[in-house]
PDB file of N, CA and C in Angstrom:
ATOM      1  N   MET A   1       0.151  -0.890   0.115  1.00  0.00           N
ATOM      2  CA  MET A   1      -0.141   0.112   0.196  1.00  0.00           C
ATOM      3  C   MET A   1       1.499   1.084   0.332  1.00  0.00           C
ATOM      4  N   LYS A   2       0.710   2.215  -0.911  1.00  0.00           N
ATOM      5  CA  LYS A   2       1.018   3.502  -0.869  1.00  0.00           C
ATOM      6  C   LYS A   2       1.485   3.914   0.238  1.00  0.00           C
ATOM      7  N   PRO A   3       2.171   4.719   1.277  1.00  0.00           N
ATOM      8  CA  PRO A   3       1.801   6.267   1.909  1.00  0.00           C
ATOM      9  C   PRO A   3       0.561   7.560   1.605  1.00  0.00           C
ATOM     10  N   ALA A   4       0.668   7.312   0.849  1.00  0.00           N
ATOM     11  CA  ALA A   4      -0.759   8.053   0.251  1.00  0.00           C
ATOM     12  C   ALA A   4      -1.778   7.859   0.730  1.00  0.00           C
ATOM     13  N   ASN A   5      -2.212   6.751  -0.181  1.00  0.00           N
ATOM     14  CA  ASN A   5      -3.311   5.443   0.302  1.00  0.00           C
ATOM     15  C   ASN A   5      -3.626   5.651   2.062  1.00  0.00           C
ATOM     16  N   PHE A   6      -2.762   5.444   2.626  1.00  0.00           N
ATOM     17  CA  PHE A   6      -2.509   4.454   4.213  1.00  0.00           C
ATOM     18  C   PHE A   6      -2.738   6.401   4.791  1.00  0.00           C
ATOM     19  N   LEU A   7      -2.250   7.428   4.206  1.00  0.00           N
ATOM     20  CA  LEU A   7      -2.702   8.172   5.160  1.00  0.00           C
ATOM     21  C   LEU A   7      -4.272   8.551   5.060  1.00  0.00           C
ATOM     22  N   LEU A   8      -4.629   8.542   3.425  1.00  0.00           N
ATOM     23  CA  LEU A   8      -5.826   8.731   3.187  1.00  0.00           C
ATOM     24  C   LEU A   8      -6.720   8.071   3.834  1.00  0.00           C
ATOM     25  N   ARG A   9      -6.897   6.558   3.974  1.00  0.00           N
ATOM     26  CA  ARG A   9      -7.859   6.212   4.698  1.00  0.00           C
ATOM     27  C   ARG A   9      -7.694   6.416   5.908  1.00  0.00           C
ATOM     28  N   PHE A  10      -6.561   6.377   6.473  1.00  0.00           N
ATOM     29  CA  PHE A  10      -6.141   6.976   8.351  1.00  0.00           C
ATOM     30  C   PHE A  10      -6.765   7.447   8.509  1.00  0.00           C
ATOM     31  N   TRP A  11      -6.970   8.790   7.325  1.00  0.00           N
ATOM     32  CA  TRP A  11      -7.649  10.512   7.832  1.00  0.00           C
ATOM     33  C   TRP A  11      -9.675  10.303   7.980  1.00  0.00           C
ATOM     34  N   ALA A  12      -9.705   8.921   6.591  1.00  0.00           N
ATOM     35  CA  ALA A  12     -11.097   8.955   6.880  1.00  0.00           C
ATOM     36  C   ALA A  12     -11.338   7.688   8.077  1.00  0.00           C
ATOM     37  N   MET A  13     -10.541   7.250   8.674  1.00  0.00           N
ATOM     38  CA  MET A  13     -10.815   6.691   9.774  1.00  0.00           C
ATOM     39  C   MET A  13     -10.307   7.283  11.332  1.00  0.00           C
ATOM     40  N   VAL A  14     -10.332   8.189  10.736  1.00  0.00           N
ATOM     41  CA  VAL A  14     -10.469   9.173  12.088  1.00  0.00           C
ATOM     42  C   VAL A  14     -11.483   9.786  12.089  1.00  0.00           C
ATOM     43  N   ARG A  15     -11.573  10.487  10.657  1.00  0.00           N
ATOM     44  CA  ARG A  15     -12.630  11.196  10.291  1.00  0.00           C
ATOM     45  C   ARG A  15     -14.139  10.977  11.254  1.00  0.00           C
ATOM     46  N   HIS A  16     -14.237   9.219  10.472  1.00  0.00           N
ATOM     47  CA  HIS A  16     -15.702   8.211  10.693  1.00  0.00           C
ATOM     48  C   HIS A  16     -15.532   8.616  12.615  1.00  0.00           C
ATOM     49  N   THR A  17     -14.577   8.566  12.819  1.00  0.00           N
ATOM     50  CA  THR A  17     -14.314   8.233  14.413  1.00  0.00           C
ATOM     51  C   THR A  17     -15.214   9.201  14.809  1.00  0.00           C
ATOM     52  N   LYS A  18     -14.818  10.615  14.707  1.00  0.00           N
ATOM     53  CA  LYS A  18     -15.198  11.846  14.969  1.00  0.00           C
ATOM     54  C   LYS A  18     -16.704  11.649  15.339  1.00  0.00           C
ATOM     55  N   LYS A  19     -17.257  11.015  13.824  1.00  0.00           N
ATOM     56  CA  LYS A  19     -19.238  11.360  13.604  1.00  0.00           C
ATOM     57  C   LYS A  19     -20.064  10.181  14.537  1.00  0.00           C
ATOM     58  N   ILE A  20     -18.556   9.549  14.698  1.00  0.00           N
ATOM     59  CA  ILE A  20     -19.246   8.538  15.934  1.00  0.00           C
ATOM     60  C   ILE A  20     -19.309   9.181  16.814  1.00  0.00           C
ATOM     61  N   PHE A  21     -18.449   9.538  17.183  1.00  0.00           N
ATOM     62  CA  PHE A  21     -18.575  10.652  18.469  1.00  0.00           C
ATOM     63  C   PHE A  21     -19.516  11.339  18.842  1.00  0.00           C
ATOM     64  N   LEU A  22     -19.420  12.265  17.861  1.00  0.00           N
ATOM     65  CA  LEU A  22     -20.220  13.484  17.423  1.00  0.00           C
ATOM     66  C   LEU A  22     -21.915  12.881  17.380  1.00  0.00           C
ATOM     67  N   ALA A  23     -22.261  11.672  17.107  1.00  0.00           N
ATOM     68  CA  ALA A  23     -23.900  11.705  16.722  1.00  0.00           C
ATOM     69  C   ALA A  23     -24.415  11.421  17.573  1.00  0.00           C
ATOM     70  N   ARG A  24     -25.484  11.784  17.373  1.00  0.00           N
ATOM     71  CA  ARG A  24     -26.805  11.633  19.164  1.00  0.00           C
ATOM     72  C   ARG A  24     -27.334  10.051  18.925  1.00  0.00           C
ATOM     73  N   THR A  25     -26.834   9.255  18.191  1.00  0.00           N
ATOM     74  CA  THR A  25     -27.373   7.764  18.070  1.00  0.00           C
ATOM     75  C   THR A  25     -26.525   7.403  18.524  1.00  0.00           C
ATOM     76  N   THR A  26     -25.704   7.731  19.255  1.00  0.00           N
ATOM     77  CA  THR A  26     -24.582   6.478  19.649  1.00  0.00           C
ATOM     78  C   THR A  26     -24.758   6.247  21.113  1.00  0.00           C
ATOM     79  N   PRO A  27     -24.527   5.432  21.325  1.00  0.00           N
ATOM     80  CA  PRO A  27     -24.807   5.365  22.232  1.00  0.00           C
ATOM     81  C   PRO A  27     -23.246   6.139  23.580  1.00  0.00           C
ATOM     82  N   ARG A  28     -24.082   6.124  24.715  1.00  0.00           N
ATOM     83  CA  ARG A  28     -23.416   6.820  26.085  1.00  0.00           C
ATOM     84  C   ARG A  28     -21.524   5.974  26.131  1.00  0.00           C
ATOM     85  N   TYR A  29     -22.135   4.799  25.797  1.00  0.00           N
ATOM     86  CA  TYR A  29     -21.043   3.929  26.708  1.00  0.00           C
ATOM     87  C   TYR A  29     -19.907   4.151  25.824  1.00  0.00           C
ATOM     88  N   VAL A  30     -20.024   4.408  24.399  1.00  0.00           N
ATOM     89  CA  VAL A  30     -18.671   4.543  23.209  1.00  0.00           C
ATOM     90  C   VAL A  30     -18.416   5.801  23.508  1.00  0.00           C
ATOM     91  N   LYS A  31     -19.008   6.920  23.883  1.00  0.00           N
ATOM     92  CA  LYS A  31     -18.616   7.894  23.709  1.00  0.00           C
ATOM     93  C   LYS A  31     -17.917   8.360  25.080  1.00  0.00           C
ATOM     94  N   VAL A  32     -18.169   7.343  25.789  1.00  0.00           N
ATOM     95  CA  VAL A  32     -17.242   7.472  27.177  1.00  0.00           C
ATOM     96  C   VAL A  32     -16.186   6.983  26.971  1.00  0.00           C
ATOM     97  N   ILE A  33     -16.497   6.179  26.113  1.00  0.00           N
ATOM     98  CA  ILE A  33     -15.004   4.760  26.046  1.00  0.00           C
ATOM     99  C   ILE A  33     -13.917   5.767  25.462  1.00  0.00           C
ATOM    100  N   LEU A  34     -14.846   5.967  23.915  1.00  0.00           N
ATOM    101  CA  LEU A  34     -13.878   6.864  23.533  1.00  0.00           C
ATOM    102  C   LEU A  34     -12.899   8.492  23.626  1.00  0.00           C
ATOM    103  N   GLY A  35     -13.761   9.252  25.096  1.00  0.00           N
ATOM    104  CA  GLY A  35     -13.640   9.975  25.279  1.00  0.00           C
ATOM    105  C   GLY A  35     -12.339   9.634  26.419  1.00  0.00           C
ATOM    106  N   LEU A  36     -12.740   9.285  27.533  1.00  0.00           N
ATOM    107  CA  LEU A  36     -12.018   9.063  28.179  1.00  0.00           C
ATOM    108  C   LEU A  36     -10.264   7.922  27.198  1.00  0.00           C
ATOM    109  N   GLY A  37     -10.320   7.686  26.494  1.00  0.00           N
ATOM    110  CA  GLY A  37      -9.455   6.779  25.998  1.00  0.00           C
ATOM    111  C   GLY A  37      -8.734   8.139  24.888  1.00  0.00           C
ATOM    112  N   LEU A  38      -8.826   9.169  24.329  1.00  0.00           N
ATOM    113  CA  LEU A  38      -8.190   9.935  23.894  1.00  0.00           C
ATOM    114  C   LEU A  38      -7.616  11.056  25.076  1.00  0.00           C
ATOM    115  N   LEU A  39      -8.495  11.311  26.261  1.00  0.00           N
ATOM    116  CA  LEU A  39      -7.871  11.557  27.682  1.00  0.00           C
ATOM    117  C   LEU A  39      -6.965  11.282  28.260  1.00  0.00           C
ATOM    118  N   TYR A  40      -6.580   9.690  27.679  1.00  0.00           N
ATOM    119  CA  TYR A  40      -5.241   8.771  28.676  1.00  0.00           C
ATOM    120  C   TYR A  40      -3.769   9.303  27.755  1.00  0.00           C
ATOM    121  N   CYS A  41      -5.031   9.398  26.143  1.00  0.00           N
ATOM    122  CA  CYS A  41      -4.256   9.649  24.996  1.00  0.00           C
ATOM    123  C   CYS A  41      -2.976  11.008  25.205  1.00  0.00           C
ATOM    124  N   ILE A  42      -3.443  11.906  25.174  1.00  0.00           N
ATOM    125  CA  ILE A  42      -2.816  13.605  25.018  1.00  0.00           C
ATOM    126  C   ILE A  42      -2.399  13.718  27.282  1.00  0.00           C
ATOM    127  N   SER A  43      -3.002  12.397  28.018  1.00  0.00           N
ATOM    128  CA  SER A  43      -2.326  13.509  29.548  1.00  0.00           C
ATOM    129  C   SER A  43      -0.811  12.833  29.589  1.00  0.00           C
ATOM    130  N   PRO A  44      -0.651  13.705  30.480  1.00  0.00           N
ATOM    131  CA  PRO A  44       1.075  13.268  30.866  1.00  0.00           C
ATOM    132  C   PRO A  44       0.970  12.263  31.631  1.00  0.00           C
ATOM    133  N   LEU A  45       0.097  11.333  32.381  1.00  0.00           N
ATOM    134  CA  LEU A  45      -0.086  10.715  33.243  1.00  0.00           C
ATOM    135  C   LEU A  45      -0.237   9.247  32.353  1.00  0.00           C
ATOM    136  N   ASP A  46       0.364   8.125  32.697  1.00  0.00           N
ATOM    137  CA  ASP A  46       0.571   6.892  31.891  1.00  0.00           C
ATOM    138  C   ASP A  46       0.488   6.226  32.514  1.00  0.00           C
ATOM    139  N   PHE A  47       0.880   4.927  32.009  1.00  0.00           N
ATOM    140  CA  PHE A  47       0.993   3.878  32.579  1.00  0.00           C
ATOM    141  C   PHE A  47       2.309   3.214  31.960  1.00  0.00           C
ATOM    142  N   ILE A  48       2.975   3.959  31.076  1.00  0.00           N
ATOM    143  CA  ILE A  48       4.563   3.851  30.432  1.00  0.00           C
ATOM    144  C   ILE A  48       4.594   4.858  30.023  1.00  0.00           C
ATOM    145  N   PRO A  49       5.303   5.738  31.062  1.00  0.00           N
ATOM    146  CA  PRO A  49       5.956   6.898  31.193  1.00  0.00           C
ATOM    147  C   PRO A  49       6.416   8.026  29.499  1.00  0.00           C
ATOM    148  N   GLU A  50       6.479   8.712  28.940  1.00  0.00           N
ATOM    149  CA  GLU A  50       6.719   8.645  27.535  1.00  0.00           C
ATOM    150  C   GLU A  50       7.931   8.866  27.616  1.00  0.00           C
ATOM    151  N   TRP A  51       9.144   9.378  28.985  1.00  0.00           N
ATOM    152  CA  TRP A  51      10.182   9.094  28.169  1.00  0.00           C
ATOM    153  C   TRP A  51      11.309   7.938  28.582  1.00  0.00           C
ATOM    154  N   VAL A  52      10.128   6.788  28.696  1.00  0.00           N
ATOM    155  CA  VAL A  52      10.738   5.940  28.828  1.00  0.00           C
ATOM    156  C   VAL A  52      11.124   5.315  26.904  1.00  0.00           C
ATOM    157  N   PRO A  53      11.578   5.121  26.196  1.00  0.00           N
ATOM    158  CA  PRO A  53      11.732   5.269  25.275  1.00  0.00           C
ATOM    159  C   PRO A  53      11.149   4.224  24.099  1.00  0.00           C
ATOM    160  N   VAL A  54      10.855   4.568  23.183  1.00  0.00           N
ATOM    161  CA  VAL A  54       9.922   4.123  21.738  1.00  0.00           C
ATOM    162  C   VAL A  54       8.592   3.601  23.066  1.00  0.00           C
ATOM    163  N   LEU A  55       8.320   2.815  23.993  1.00  0.00           N
ATOM    164  CA  LEU A  55       7.169   1.996  24.718  1.00  0.00           C
ATOM    165  C   LEU A  55       6.185   3.381  25.412  1.00  0.00           C
ATOM    166  N   GLY A  56       6.792   4.575  25.773  1.00  0.00           N
ATOM    167  CA  GLY A  56       6.166   5.372  26.081  1.00  0.00           C
ATOM    168  C   GLY A  56       5.087   6.037  25.334  1.00  0.00           C
ATOM    169  N   LEU A  57       5.678   5.731  24.504  1.00  0.00           N
ATOM    170  CA  LEU A  57       4.497   6.645  22.780  1.00  0.00           C
ATOM    171  C   LEU A  57       4.181   5.154  21.765  1.00  0.00           C
ATOM    172  N   MET A  58       4.245   4.352  22.642  1.00  0.00           N
ATOM    173  CA  MET A  58       3.656   2.896  21.997  1.00  0.00           C
ATOM    174  C   MET A  58       2.497   2.848  22.484  1.00  0.00           C
ATOM    175  N   ASP A  59       2.391   2.961  23.635  1.00  0.00           N
ATOM    176  CA  ASP A  59       0.889   2.340  24.203  1.00  0.00           C
ATOM    177  C   ASP A  59      -0.145   3.256  23.957  1.00  0.00           C
ATOM    178  N   ASP A  60       0.540   4.632  24.168  1.00  0.00           N
ATOM    179  CA  ASP A  60      -0.850   5.912  23.267  1.00  0.00           C
ATOM    180  C   ASP A  60      -0.857   5.909  21.677  1.00  0.00           C
ATOM    181  N   LEU A  61      -0.499   5.586  21.348  1.00  0.00           N
ATOM    182  CA  LEU A  61      -0.170   4.811  19.781  1.00  0.00           C
ATOM    183  C   LEU A  61      -1.455   3.599  19.900  1.00  0.00           C
ATOM    184  N   ALA A  62      -0.462   2.945  20.138  1.00  0.00           N
ATOM    185  CA  ALA A  62      -1.351   1.553  20.212  1.00  0.00           C
ATOM    186  C   ALA A  62      -3.153   1.568  20.934  1.00  0.00           C
ATOM    187  N   LEU A  63      -2.905   2.174  21.937  1.00  0.00           N
ATOM    188  CA  LEU A  63      -4.094   2.577  22.279  1.00  0.00           C
ATOM    189  C   LEU A  63      -5.718   3.723  21.595  1.00  0.00           C
ATOM    190  N   ALA A  64      -4.946   4.683  20.892  1.00  0.00           N
ATOM    191  CA  ALA A  64      -4.945   5.374  19.636  1.00  0.00           C
ATOM    192  C   ALA A  64      -5.883   4.962  18.824  1.00  0.00           C
ATOM    193  N   ALA A  65      -4.758   3.391  17.689  1.00  0.00           N
ATOM    194  CA  ALA A  65      -5.531   2.615  17.288  1.00  0.00           C
ATOM    195  C   ALA A  65      -6.150   1.427  17.325  1.00  0.00           C
ATOM    196  N   MET A  66      -6.316   1.468  18.580  1.00  0.00           N
ATOM    197  CA  MET A  66      -7.403   0.749  19.400  1.00  0.00           C
ATOM    198  C   MET A  66      -8.519   1.151  18.844  1.00  0.00           C
ATOM    199  N   LEU A  67      -9.020   2.501  19.539  1.00  0.00           N
ATOM    200  CA  LEU A  67     -10.264   2.874  20.202  1.00  0.00           C
ATOM    201  C   LEU A  67     -10.888   3.604  18.670  1.00  0.00           C
ATOM    202  N   ILE A  68      -9.660   3.624  17.079  1.00  0.00           N
ATOM    203  CA  ILE A  68     -10.253   4.348  15.818  1.00  0.00           C
ATOM    204  C   ILE A  68     -11.117   3.086  15.203  1.00  0.00           C
ATOM    205  N   ALA A  69      -9.815   2.051  15.161  1.00  0.00           N
ATOM    206  CA  ALA A  69     -10.682   0.971  14.870  1.00  0.00           C
ATOM    207  C   ALA A  69     -11.642   0.214  15.105  1.00  0.00           C
ATOM    208  N   TRP A  70     -12.230   0.276  16.395  1.00  0.00           N
ATOM    209  CA  TRP A  70     -13.477   0.400  17.389  1.00  0.00           C
ATOM    210  C   TRP A  70     -14.497   1.038  16.748  1.00  0.00           C
ATOM    211  N   ALA A  71     -13.773   2.151  16.895  1.00  0.00           N
ATOM    212  CA  ALA A  71     -15.019   3.181  16.606  1.00  0.00           C
ATOM    213  C   ALA A  71     -15.245   2.979  15.283  1.00  0.00           C
ATOM    214  N   ASN A  72     -14.906   2.402  14.026  1.00  0.00           N
ATOM    215  CA  ASN A  72     -14.752   2.320  12.692  1.00  0.00           C
ATOM    216  C   ASN A  72     -15.415   1.232  12.496  1.00  0.00           C
ATOM    217  N   SER A  73     -16.448   0.127  13.378  1.00  0.00           N
ATOM    218  CA  SER A  73     -17.039  -0.836  13.703  1.00  0.00           C
ATOM    219  C   SER A  73     -18.350  -0.562  13.290  1.00  0.00           C
ATOM    220  N   PHE A  74     -18.495   0.941  13.963  1.00  0.00           N
ATOM    221  CA  PHE A  74     -20.267   1.122  14.474  1.00  0.00           C
ATOM    222  C   PHE A  74     -20.251   2.194  12.771  1.00  0.00           C
ATOM    223  N   ASP A  75     -21.768   1.871  12.565  1.00  0.00           N
ATOM    224  CA  ASP A  75     -22.287   2.840  11.317  1.00  0.00           C
ATOM    225  C   ASP A  75     -22.188   3.990  11.793  1.00  0.00           C
ATOM    226  N   ALA A  76     -21.893   5.364  11.127  1.00  0.00           N
ATOM    227  CA  ALA A  76     -21.982   6.571  11.272  1.00  0.00           C
ATOM    228  C   ALA A  76     -23.564   6.953  10.787  1.00  0.00           C
ATOM    229  N   PRO A  77     -24.476   7.370  11.607  1.00  0.00           N
ATOM    230  CA  PRO A  77     -25.670   8.094  11.428  1.00  0.00           C
ATOM    231  C   PRO A  77     -25.627   8.758  10.186  1.00  0.00           C
ATOM    232  N   GLU A  78     -26.319   9.041   9.106  1.00  0.00           N
ATOM    233  CA  GLU A  78     -25.607  10.043   7.723  1.00  0.00           C
ATOM    234  C   GLU A  78     -26.231  11.444   8.049  1.00  0.00           C
ATOM    235  N   ASP A  79     -24.949  12.590   7.351  1.00  0.00           N
ATOM    236  CA  ASP A  79     -25.253  13.382   7.772  1.00  0.00           C
ATOM    237  C   ASP A  79     -25.755  14.745   7.163  1.00  0.00           C
ATOM    238  N   GLU A  80     -26.399  15.810   7.141  1.00  0.00           N
ATOM    239  CA  GLU A  80     -27.186  16.178   6.716  1.00  0.00           C
ATOM    240  C   GLU A  80     -26.588  17.154   5.592  1.00  0.00           C
ATOM    241  N   GLU A  81     -25.482  16.638   4.304  1.00  0.00           N
ATOM    242  CA  GLU A  81     -24.918  17.266   3.634  1.00  0.00           C
ATOM    243  C   GLU A  81     -24.731  16.316   2.671  1.00  0.00           C
ATOM    244  N   SER A  82     -25.092  14.402   3.160  1.00  0.00           N
ATOM    245  CA  SER A  82     -25.198  13.967   2.562  1.00  0.00           C
ATOM    246  C   SER A  82     -26.118  13.618   2.219  1.00  0.00           C
ATOM    247  N   ARG A  83     -27.487  14.062   2.762  1.00  0.00           N
ATOM    248  CA  ARG A  83     -28.977  13.555   3.045  1.00  0.00           C
ATOM    249  C   ARG A  83     -29.274  14.897   1.694  1.00  0.00           C
ATOM    250  N   ARG A  84     -28.478  16.021   2.081  1.00  0.00           N
ATOM    251  CA  ARG A  84     -29.112  16.744   0.630  1.00  0.00           C
ATOM    252  C   ARG A  84     -28.480  16.659  -0.264  1.00  0.00           C
ATOM    253  N   GLU A  85     -27.492  15.799  -0.336  1.00  0.00           N
ATOM    254  CA  GLU A  85     -26.886  15.871  -2.462  1.00  0.00           C
ATOM    255  C   GLU A  85     -27.807  14.850  -2.043  1.00  0.00           C
ATOM    256  N   GLY A  86     -27.993  13.494  -1.539  1.00  0.00           N
ATOM    257  CA  GLY A  86     -28.737  12.606  -2.248  1.00  0.00           C
ATOM    258  C   GLY A  86     -30.533  12.577  -2.495  1.00  0.00           C
ATOM    259  N   HIS A  87     -30.832  13.890  -2.365  1.00  0.00           N
ATOM    260  CA  HIS A  87     -32.160  14.318  -2.363  1.00  0.00           C
ATOM    261  C   HIS A  87     -31.981  15.215  -3.706  1.00  0.00           C
ATOM    262  N   ALA A  88     -31.319  15.555  -3.461  1.00  0.00           N
ATOM    263  CA  ALA A  88     -30.863  16.561  -4.845  1.00  0.00           C
ATOM    264  C   ALA A  88     -30.543  15.667  -6.515  1.00  0.00           C
ATOM    265  N   GLY A  89     -30.380  14.640  -5.954  1.00  0.00           N
ATOM    266  CA  GLY A  89     -29.549  13.475  -6.955  1.00  0.00           C
ATOM    267  C   GLY A  89     -31.002  13.337  -7.821  1.00  0.00           C
ATOM    268  N   ALA A  90     -31.935  12.951  -6.753  1.00  0.00           N
ATOM    269  CA  ALA A  90     -33.367  12.476  -6.981  1.00  0.00           C
ATOM    270  C   ALA A  90     -33.957  12.914  -7.799  1.00  0.00           C
ATOM    271  N   HIS A  91     -34.019  14.728  -7.250  1.00  0.00           N
ATOM    272  CA  HIS A  91     -34.613  15.551  -7.687  1.00  0.00           C
ATOM    273  C   HIS A  91     -34.770  15.880  -9.609  1.00  0.00           C
ATOM    274  N   GLN A  92     -32.656  15.897  -9.624  1.00  0.00           N
ATOM    275  CA  GLN A  92     -32.493  15.929 -10.530  1.00  0.00           C
ATOM    276  C   GLN A  92     -32.484  14.682 -11.699  1.00  0.00           C
ATOM    277  N   ALA A  93     -32.785  13.381 -11.594  1.00  0.00           N
ATOM    278  CA  ALA A  93     -32.739  12.484 -12.429  1.00  0.00           C
ATOM    279  C   ALA A  93     -34.269  12.232 -13.406  1.00  0.00           C
TER     280      ALA A  93
END
């Protein structure tokens, strides 16, 4: 896989995770887990401190990757913009 394709796919997964987090229909427990995971990743207090070479950063990156992958297992609700585009396309046909 080319690096550009990987970055585009990763960015799409991050955007999907954001949609899941902000959606009104997302269960509260999902939002809590995603929020706490984000706080852990940005918090200076870790199980493995950042100053430990390699492992200090890897625990944060691994947790972020797991949370993004987990959030992408949920279906995002249809947003307003895509609904409008779908209706506009139906009226033009």
